[in-house]
Amino acid sequence: MCKFVAAYLILMNIIAFLVMGIDKHRAKVHRWRISEKTLFLLALLGGSAGSVLGMYSFRHKTRHWYFVWGMPFILVLQIVLGIVIMK
């Protein structure tokens, strides 16, 4: 079970990171964008670390307060939840 959860979280974080990069690229070339709801959903589904890393790696959504505060908040909540569950 633990290996499944770890694999799931790794996959979700890779996906979230890549989606941030894809959305940044689409913003630069004025193409159809990935919705902010989708970006937050990926973070909520376990990809918060990848989302935060992608935000700052690609300098994407860093002017939006709800991303600057929201994504790290989700990450902290997930870390706390993980610690509580592991005890």
PDB file of N, CA and C in Angstrom:
ATOM      1  N   MET A   1       0.829  -1.209   0.000  1.00  0.00           N
ATOM      2  CA  MET A   1       0.000   0.000   0.000  1.00  0.00           C
ATOM      3  C   MET A   1       0.864   1.259   0.000  1.00  0.00           C
ATOM      4  N   CYS A   2       1.912   1.248   0.825  1.00  0.00           N
ATOM      5  CA  CYS A   2       2.788   2.414   0.940  1.00  0.00           C
ATOM      6  C   CYS A   2       3.499   2.715  -0.388  1.00  0.00           C
ATOM      7  N   LYS A   3       3.909   1.656  -1.104  1.00  0.00           N
ATOM      8  CA  LYS A   3       4.569   1.841  -2.406  1.00  0.00           C
ATOM      9  C   LYS A   3       3.604   2.427  -3.427  1.00  0.00           C
ATOM     10  N   PHE A   4       2.334   2.002  -3.357  1.00  0.00           N
ATOM     11  CA  PHE A   4       1.322   2.526  -4.266  1.00  0.00           C
ATOM     12  C   PHE A   4       1.112   4.021  -4.028  1.00  0.00           C
ATOM     13  N   VAL A   5       1.011   4.414  -2.772  1.00  0.00           N
ATOM     14  CA  VAL A   5       0.813   5.829  -2.427  1.00  0.00           C
ATOM     15  C   VAL A   5       2.016   6.652  -2.878  1.00  0.00           C
ATOM     16  N   ALA A   6       3.210   6.146  -2.636  1.00  0.00           N
ATOM     17  CA  ALA A   6       4.421   6.866  -3.053  1.00  0.00           C
ATOM     18  C   ALA A   6       4.464   7.021  -4.577  1.00  0.00           C
ATOM     19  N   ALA A   7       4.163   5.955  -5.298  1.00  0.00           N
ATOM     20  CA  ALA A   7       4.154   6.010  -6.766  1.00  0.00           C
ATOM     21  C   ALA A   7       3.108   6.999  -7.265  1.00  0.00           C
ATOM     22  N   TYR A   8       1.938   6.980  -6.641  1.00  0.00           N
ATOM     23  CA  TYR A   8       0.864   7.902  -7.014  1.00  0.00           C
ATOM     24  C   TYR A   8       1.304   9.349  -6.813  1.00  0.00           C
ATOM     25  N   LEU A   9       1.888   9.654  -5.651  1.00  0.00           N
ATOM     26  CA  LEU A   9       2.316  11.027  -5.361  1.00  0.00           C
ATOM     27  C   LEU A   9       3.430  11.486  -6.297  1.00  0.00           C
ATOM     28  N   ILE A  10       4.357  10.597  -6.600  1.00  0.00           N
ATOM     29  CA  ILE A  10       5.427  10.944  -7.548  1.00  0.00           C
ATOM     30  C   ILE A  10       4.827  11.271  -8.909  1.00  0.00           C
ATOM     31  N   LEU A  11       3.919  10.417  -9.376  1.00  0.00           N
ATOM     32  CA  LEU A  11       3.277  10.637 -10.675  1.00  0.00           C
ATOM     33  C   LEU A  11       2.485  11.946 -10.695  1.00  0.00           C
ATOM     34  N   MET A  12       1.705  12.205  -9.656  1.00  0.00           N
ATOM     35  CA  MET A  12       0.904  13.433  -9.604  1.00  0.00           C
ATOM     36  C   MET A  12       1.791  14.679  -9.598  1.00  0.00           C
ATOM     37  N   ASN A  13       2.906  14.630  -8.898  1.00  0.00           N
ATOM     38  CA  ASN A  13       3.796  15.782  -8.846  1.00  0.00           C
ATOM     39  C   ASN A  13       4.502  16.015 -10.174  1.00  0.00           C
ATOM     40  N   ILE A  14       4.869  14.948 -10.864  1.00  0.00           N
ATOM     41  CA  ILE A  14       5.460  15.087 -12.203  1.00  0.00           C
ATOM     42  C   ILE A  14       4.438  15.698 -13.158  1.00  0.00           C
ATOM     43  N   ILE A  15       3.217  15.193 -13.111  1.00  0.00           N
ATOM     44  CA  ILE A  15       2.155  15.719 -13.980  1.00  0.00           C
ATOM     45  C   ILE A  15       1.905  17.191 -13.688  1.00  0.00           C
ATOM     46  N   ALA A  16       1.774  17.543 -12.403  1.00  0.00           N
ATOM     47  CA  ALA A  16       1.506  18.939 -12.023  1.00  0.00           C
ATOM     48  C   ALA A  16       2.632  19.857 -12.486  1.00  0.00           C
ATOM     49  N   PHE A  17       3.875  19.409 -12.322  1.00  0.00           N
ATOM     50  CA  PHE A  17       5.026  20.199 -12.769  1.00  0.00           C
ATOM     51  C   PHE A  17       4.972  20.416 -14.279  1.00  0.00           C
ATOM     52  N   LEU A  18       4.740  19.343 -15.026  1.00  0.00           N
ATOM     53  CA  LEU A  18       4.685  19.446 -16.487  1.00  0.00           C
ATOM     54  C   LEU A  18       3.527  20.314 -16.960  1.00  0.00           C
ATOM     55  N   VAL A  19       2.385  20.199 -16.312  1.00  0.00           N
ATOM     56  CA  VAL A  19       1.217  21.002 -16.703  1.00  0.00           C
ATOM     57  C   VAL A  19       1.497  22.491 -16.480  1.00  0.00           C
ATOM     58  N   MET A  20       2.194  22.836 -15.407  1.00  0.00           N
ATOM     59  CA  MET A  20       2.577  24.238 -15.195  1.00  0.00           C
ATOM     60  C   MET A  20       3.461  24.728 -16.347  1.00  0.00           C
ATOM     61  N   GLY A  21       4.409  23.897 -16.748  1.00  0.00           N
ATOM     62  CA  GLY A  21       5.283  24.258 -17.869  1.00  0.00           C
ATOM     63  C   GLY A  21       4.533  24.386 -19.174  1.00  0.00           C
ATOM     64  N   ILE A  22       3.625  23.466 -19.422  1.00  0.00           N
ATOM     65  CA  ILE A  22       2.819  23.504 -20.647  1.00  0.00           C
ATOM     66  C   ILE A  22       1.961  24.758 -20.673  1.00  0.00           C
ATOM     67  N   ASP A  23       1.330  25.083 -19.542  1.00  0.00           N
ATOM     68  CA  ASP A  23       0.473  26.272 -19.496  1.00  0.00           C
ATOM     69  C   ASP A  23       1.296  27.545 -19.698  1.00  0.00           C
ATOM     70  N   LYS A  24       2.494  27.592 -19.135  1.00  0.00           N
ATOM     71  CA  LYS A  24       3.358  28.760 -19.333  1.00  0.00           C
ATOM     72  C   LYS A  24       3.728  28.903 -20.810  1.00  0.00           C
ATOM     73  N   HIS A  25       4.061  27.793 -21.440  1.00  0.00           N
ATOM     74  CA  HIS A  25       4.391  27.833 -22.870  1.00  0.00           C
ATOM     75  C   HIS A  25       3.200  28.314 -23.691  1.00  0.00           C
ATOM     76  N   ARG A  26       2.027  27.802 -23.367  1.00  0.00           N
ATOM     77  CA  ARG A  26       0.826  28.218 -24.096  1.00  0.00           C
ATOM     78  C   ARG A  26       0.533  29.701 -23.880  1.00  0.00           C
ATOM     79  N   ALA A  27       0.828  30.202 -22.701  1.00  0.00           N
ATOM     80  CA  ALA A  27       0.623  31.632 -22.433  1.00  0.00           C
ATOM     81  C   ALA A  27       1.559  32.470 -23.300  1.00  0.00           C
ATOM     82  N   LYS A  28       2.781  32.011 -23.454  1.00  0.00           N
ATOM     83  CA  LYS A  28       3.762  32.759 -24.258  1.00  0.00           C
ATOM     84  C   LYS A  28       3.391  32.810 -25.735  1.00  0.00           C
ATOM     85  N   VAL A  29       2.824  31.723 -26.243  1.00  0.00           N
ATOM     86  CA  VAL A  29       2.504  31.665 -27.674  1.00  0.00           C
ATOM     87  C   VAL A  29       1.033  31.965 -27.956  1.00  0.00           C
ATOM     88  N   HIS A  30       0.328  32.495 -26.953  1.00  0.00           N
ATOM     89  CA  HIS A  30      -1.069  32.920 -27.098  1.00  0.00           C
ATOM     90  C   HIS A  30      -1.978  31.800 -27.611  1.00  0.00           C
ATOM     91  N   ARG A  31      -1.866  30.643 -26.970  1.00  0.00           N
ATOM     92  CA  ARG A  31      -2.704  29.496 -27.319  1.00  0.00           C
ATOM     93  C   ARG A  31      -3.697  29.227 -26.211  1.00  0.00           C
ATOM     94  N   TRP A  32      -4.569  28.233 -26.444  1.00  0.00           N
ATOM     95  CA  TRP A  32      -5.559  27.830 -25.459  1.00  0.00           C
ATOM     96  C   TRP A  32      -4.849  27.447 -24.174  1.00  0.00           C
ATOM     97  N   ARG A  33      -5.394  27.908 -23.022  1.00  0.00           N
ATOM     98  CA  ARG A  33      -4.741  27.734 -21.721  1.00  0.00           C
ATOM     99  C   ARG A  33      -5.413  26.655 -20.886  1.00  0.00           C
ATOM    100  N   ILE A  34      -4.675  26.149 -19.947  1.00  0.00           N
ATOM    101  CA  ILE A  34      -5.196  25.201 -18.968  1.00  0.00           C
ATOM    102  C   ILE A  34      -5.860  26.025 -17.869  1.00  0.00           C
ATOM    103  N   SER A  35      -7.046  25.637 -17.466  1.00  0.00           N
ATOM    104  CA  SER A  35      -7.789  26.444 -16.500  1.00  0.00           C
ATOM    105  C   SER A  35      -7.111  26.435 -15.134  1.00  0.00           C
ATOM    106  N   GLU A  36      -7.326  27.523 -14.395  1.00  0.00           N
ATOM    107  CA  GLU A  36      -6.772  27.619 -13.052  1.00  0.00           C
ATOM    108  C   GLU A  36      -7.387  26.567 -12.143  1.00  0.00           C
ATOM    109  N   LYS A  37      -8.643  26.216 -12.390  1.00  0.00           N
ATOM    110  CA  LYS A  37      -9.289  25.151 -11.615  1.00  0.00           C
ATOM    111  C   LYS A  37      -8.538  23.834 -11.777  1.00  0.00           C
ATOM    112  N   THR A  38      -8.116  23.547 -12.996  1.00  0.00           N
ATOM    113  CA  THR A  38      -7.372  22.316 -13.259  1.00  0.00           C
ATOM    114  C   THR A  38      -6.027  22.332 -12.540  1.00  0.00           C
ATOM    115  N   LEU A  39      -5.356  23.481 -12.558  1.00  0.00           N
ATOM    116  CA  LEU A  39      -4.064  23.591 -11.881  1.00  0.00           C
ATOM    117  C   LEU A  39      -4.218  23.355 -10.376  1.00  0.00           C
ATOM    118  N   PHE A  40      -5.256  23.935  -9.783  1.00  0.00           N
ATOM    119  CA  PHE A  40      -5.503  23.714  -8.363  1.00  0.00           C
ATOM    120  C   PHE A  40      -5.955  22.275  -8.091  1.00  0.00           C
ATOM    121  N   LEU A  41      -6.735  21.709  -8.982  1.00  0.00           N
ATOM    122  CA  LEU A  41      -7.183  20.334  -8.803  1.00  0.00           C
ATOM    123  C   LEU A  41      -5.997  19.374  -8.774  1.00  0.00           C
ATOM    124  N   LEU A  42      -5.039  19.578  -9.670  1.00  0.00           N
ATOM    125  CA  LEU A  42      -3.842  18.730  -9.671  1.00  0.00           C
ATOM    126  C   LEU A  42      -3.084  18.842  -8.348  1.00  0.00           C
ATOM    127  N   ALA A  43      -3.015  20.055  -7.813  1.00  0.00           N
ATOM    128  CA  ALA A  43      -2.357  20.247  -6.516  1.00  0.00           C
ATOM    129  C   ALA A  43      -3.128  19.527  -5.416  1.00  0.00           C
ATOM    130  N   LEU A  44      -4.434  19.658  -5.414  1.00  0.00           N
ATOM    131  CA  LEU A  44      -5.262  19.022  -4.392  1.00  0.00           C
ATOM    132  C   LEU A  44      -5.220  17.498  -4.472  1.00  0.00           C
ATOM    133  N   LEU A  45      -5.015  16.972  -5.657  1.00  0.00           N
ATOM    134  CA  LEU A  45      -4.962  15.523  -5.843  1.00  0.00           C
ATOM    135  C   LEU A  45      -3.595  14.935  -5.511  1.00  0.00           C
ATOM    136  N   GLY A  46      -2.718  15.746  -4.946  1.00  0.00           N
ATOM    137  CA  GLY A  46      -1.419  15.235  -4.504  1.00  0.00           C
ATOM    138  C   GLY A  46      -0.226  15.827  -5.226  1.00  0.00           C
ATOM    139  N   GLY A  47      -0.460  16.720  -6.164  1.00  0.00           N
ATOM    140  CA  GLY A  47       0.637  17.293  -6.933  1.00  0.00           C
ATOM    141  C   GLY A  47       1.059  18.672  -6.475  1.00  0.00           C
ATOM    142  N   SER A  48       0.879  18.979  -5.207  1.00  0.00           N
ATOM    143  CA  SER A  48       1.158  20.335  -4.726  1.00  0.00           C
ATOM    144  C   SER A  48       2.649  20.684  -4.790  1.00  0.00           C
ATOM    145  N   ALA A  49       3.522  19.739  -4.470  1.00  0.00           N
ATOM    146  CA  ALA A  49       4.966  20.023  -4.533  1.00  0.00           C
ATOM    147  C   ALA A  49       5.385  20.294  -5.977  1.00  0.00           C
ATOM    148  N   GLY A  50       4.884  19.502  -6.906  1.00  0.00           N
ATOM    149  CA  GLY A  50       5.180  19.718  -8.320  1.00  0.00           C
ATOM    150  C   GLY A  50       4.620  21.034  -8.827  1.00  0.00           C
ATOM    151  N   SER A  51       3.448  21.408  -8.332  1.00  0.00           N
ATOM    152  CA  SER A  51       2.840  22.678  -8.726  1.00  0.00           C
ATOM    153  C   SER A  51       3.668  23.861  -8.247  1.00  0.00           C
ATOM    154  N   VAL A  52       4.090  23.808  -6.978  1.00  0.00           N
ATOM    155  CA  VAL A  52       4.903  24.897  -6.425  1.00  0.00           C
ATOM    156  C   VAL A  52       6.240  24.964  -7.154  1.00  0.00           C
ATOM    157  N   LEU A  53       6.871  23.836  -7.353  1.00  0.00           N
ATOM    158  CA  LEU A  53       8.150  23.801  -8.068  1.00  0.00           C
ATOM    159  C   LEU A  53       7.987  24.324  -9.492  1.00  0.00           C
ATOM    160  N   GLY A  54       6.909  23.925 -10.162  1.00  0.00           N
ATOM    161  CA  GLY A  54       6.641  24.400 -11.515  1.00  0.00           C
ATOM    162  C   GLY A  54       6.359  25.889 -11.571  1.00  0.00           C
ATOM    163  N   MET A  55       5.632  26.386 -10.573  1.00  0.00           N
ATOM    164  CA  MET A  55       5.328  27.824 -10.521  1.00  0.00           C
ATOM    165  C   MET A  55       6.608  28.650 -10.535  1.00  0.00           C
ATOM    166  N   TYR A  56       7.541  28.257  -9.693  1.00  0.00           N
ATOM    167  CA  TYR A  56       8.761  29.059  -9.564  1.00  0.00           C
ATOM    168  C   TYR A  56       9.815  28.707 -10.607  1.00  0.00           C
ATOM    169  N   SER A  57       9.838  27.475 -11.100  1.00  0.00           N
ATOM    170  CA  SER A  57      10.769  27.103 -12.161  1.00  0.00           C
ATOM    171  C   SER A  57      10.438  27.818 -13.466  1.00  0.00           C
ATOM    172  N   PHE A  58       9.138  27.876 -13.778  1.00  0.00           N
ATOM    173  CA  PHE A  58       8.698  28.492 -15.027  1.00  0.00           C
ATOM    174  C   PHE A  58       8.256  29.943 -14.846  1.00  0.00           C
ATOM    175  N   ARG A  59       8.335  30.446 -13.611  1.00  0.00           N
ATOM    176  CA  ARG A  59       7.837  31.784 -13.261  1.00  0.00           C
ATOM    177  C   ARG A  59       6.409  31.963 -13.786  1.00  0.00           C
ATOM    178  N   HIS A  60       5.575  31.030 -13.393  1.00  0.00           N
ATOM    179  CA  HIS A  60       4.205  30.992 -13.891  1.00  0.00           C
ATOM    180  C   HIS A  60       3.225  31.146 -12.739  1.00  0.00           C
ATOM    181  N   LYS A  61       2.308  32.055 -12.889  1.00  0.00           N
ATOM    182  CA  LYS A  61       1.252  32.342 -11.909  1.00  0.00           C
ATOM    183  C   LYS A  61       1.807  32.962 -10.626  1.00  0.00           C
ATOM    184  N   THR A  62       3.005  33.487 -10.655  1.00  0.00           N
ATOM    185  CA  THR A  62       3.612  34.049  -9.447  1.00  0.00           C
ATOM    186  C   THR A  62       3.128  35.463  -9.154  1.00  0.00           C
ATOM    187  N   ARG A  63       2.327  36.030 -10.025  1.00  0.00           N
ATOM    188  CA  ARG A  63       1.741  37.349  -9.772  1.00  0.00           C
ATOM    189  C   ARG A  63       0.336  37.250  -9.193  1.00  0.00           C
ATOM    190  N   HIS A  64      -0.189  36.043  -9.136  1.00  0.00           N
ATOM    191  CA  HIS A  64      -1.533  35.830  -8.621  1.00  0.00           C
ATOM    192  C   HIS A  64      -1.439  35.410  -7.157  1.00  0.00           C
ATOM    193  N   TRP A  65      -1.971  36.234  -6.259  1.00  0.00           N
ATOM    194  CA  TRP A  65      -1.840  35.966  -4.827  1.00  0.00           C
ATOM    195  C   TRP A  65      -2.421  34.620  -4.441  1.00  0.00           C
ATOM    196  N   TYR A  66      -3.497  34.218  -5.104  1.00  0.00           N
ATOM    197  CA  TYR A  66      -4.137  32.960  -4.738  1.00  0.00           C
ATOM    198  C   TYR A  66      -3.293  31.761  -5.132  1.00  0.00           C
ATOM    199  N   PHE A  67      -2.382  31.918  -6.084  1.00  0.00           N
ATOM    200  CA  PHE A  67      -1.430  30.851  -6.388  1.00  0.00           C
ATOM    201  C   PHE A  67      -0.228  30.939  -5.454  1.00  0.00           C
ATOM    202  N   VAL A  68       0.278  32.139  -5.240  1.00  0.00           N
ATOM    203  CA  VAL A  68       1.457  32.339  -4.387  1.00  0.00           C
ATOM    204  C   VAL A  68       1.185  31.844  -2.972  1.00  0.00           C
ATOM    205  N   TRP A  69      -0.002  32.065  -2.466  1.00  0.00           N
ATOM    206  CA  TRP A  69      -0.355  31.621  -1.119  1.00  0.00           C
ATOM    207  C   TRP A  69      -1.074  30.277  -1.121  1.00  0.00           C
ATOM    208  N   GLY A  70      -1.894  30.032  -2.127  1.00  0.00           N
ATOM    209  CA  GLY A  70      -2.723  28.832  -2.157  1.00  0.00           C
ATOM    210  C   GLY A  70      -1.955  27.542  -2.379  1.00  0.00           C
ATOM    211  N   MET A  71      -1.064  27.529  -3.339  1.00  0.00           N
ATOM    212  CA  MET A  71      -0.312  26.305  -3.632  1.00  0.00           C
ATOM    213  C   MET A  71       0.574  25.884  -2.451  1.00  0.00           C
ATOM    214  N   PRO A  72       1.355  26.784  -1.872  1.00  0.00           N
ATOM    215  CA  PRO A  72       2.140  26.372  -0.691  1.00  0.00           C
ATOM    216  C   PRO A  72       1.251  25.961   0.488  1.00  0.00           C
ATOM    217  N   PHE A  73       0.096  26.605   0.630  1.00  0.00           N
ATOM    218  CA  PHE A  73      -0.839  26.241   1.703  1.00  0.00           C
ATOM    219  C   PHE A  73      -1.317  24.802   1.527  1.00  0.00           C
ATOM    220  N   ILE A  74      -1.669  24.448   0.297  1.00  0.00           N
ATOM    221  CA  ILE A  74      -2.093  23.073   0.010  1.00  0.00           C
ATOM    222  C   ILE A  74      -0.952  22.111   0.313  1.00  0.00           C
ATOM    223  N   LEU A  75       0.266  22.468  -0.068  1.00  0.00           N
ATOM    224  CA  LEU A  75       1.432  21.622   0.199  1.00  0.00           C
ATOM    225  C   LEU A  75       1.620  21.401   1.695  1.00  0.00           C
ATOM    226  N   VAL A  76       1.548  22.468   2.476  1.00  0.00           N
ATOM    227  CA  VAL A  76       1.712  22.349   3.929  1.00  0.00           C
ATOM    228  C   VAL A  76       0.605  21.472   4.517  1.00  0.00           C
ATOM    229  N   LEU A  77      -0.627  21.669   4.079  1.00  0.00           N
ATOM    230  CA  LEU A  77      -1.731  20.834   4.566  1.00  0.00           C
ATOM    231  C   LEU A  77      -1.503  19.360   4.252  1.00  0.00           C
ATOM    232  N   GLN A  78      -1.014  19.080   3.054  1.00  0.00           N
ATOM    233  CA  GLN A  78      -0.782  17.696   2.673  1.00  0.00           C
ATOM    234  C   GLN A  78       0.366  17.081   3.471  1.00  0.00           C
ATOM    235  N   ILE A  79       1.388  17.867   3.761  1.00  0.00           N
ATOM    236  CA  ILE A  79       2.491  17.367   4.596  1.00  0.00           C
ATOM    237  C   ILE A  79       1.995  17.053   6.000  1.00  0.00           C
ATOM    238  N   VAL A  80       1.225  17.987   6.575  1.00  0.00           N
ATOM    239  CA  VAL A  80       0.674  17.771   7.917  1.00  0.00           C
ATOM    240  C   VAL A  80      -0.234  16.536   7.922  1.00  0.00           C
ATOM    241  N   LEU A  81      -1.087  16.414   6.924  1.00  0.00           N
ATOM    242  CA  LEU A  81      -1.972  15.257   6.815  1.00  0.00           C
ATOM    243  C   LEU A  81      -1.163  13.964   6.729  1.00  0.00           C
ATOM    244  N   GLY A  82      -0.110  13.977   5.937  1.00  0.00           N
ATOM    245  CA  GLY A  82       0.752  12.807   5.818  1.00  0.00           C
ATOM    246  C   GLY A  82       1.401  12.428   7.127  1.00  0.00           C
ATOM    247  N   ILE A  83       1.858  13.434   7.886  1.00  0.00           N
ATOM    248  CA  ILE A  83       2.466  13.163   9.185  1.00  0.00           C
ATOM    249  C   ILE A  83       1.445  12.583  10.150  1.00  0.00           C
ATOM    250  N   VAL A  84       0.248  13.144  10.155  1.00  0.00           N
ATOM    251  CA  VAL A  84      -0.807  12.646  11.049  1.00  0.00           C
ATOM    252  C   VAL A  84      -1.183  11.205  10.696  1.00  0.00           C
ATOM    253  N   ILE A  85      -1.295  10.928   9.425  1.00  0.00           N
ATOM    254  CA  ILE A  85      -1.684   9.583   8.992  1.00  0.00           C
ATOM    255  C   ILE A  85      -0.586   8.563   9.314  1.00  0.00           C
ATOM    256  N   MET A  86       0.675   8.960   9.180  1.00  0.00           N
ATOM    257  CA  MET A  86       1.790   8.042   9.412  1.00  0.00           C
ATOM    258  C   MET A  86       1.964   7.670  10.877  1.00  0.00           C
ATOM    259  N   LYS A  87       1.427   8.480  11.798  1.00  0.00           N
ATOM    260  CA  LYS A  87       1.604   8.185  13.229  1.00  0.00           C
ATOM    261  C   LYS A  87       0.764   7.048  13.690  1.00  0.00           C
TER     262      LYS A  87
END
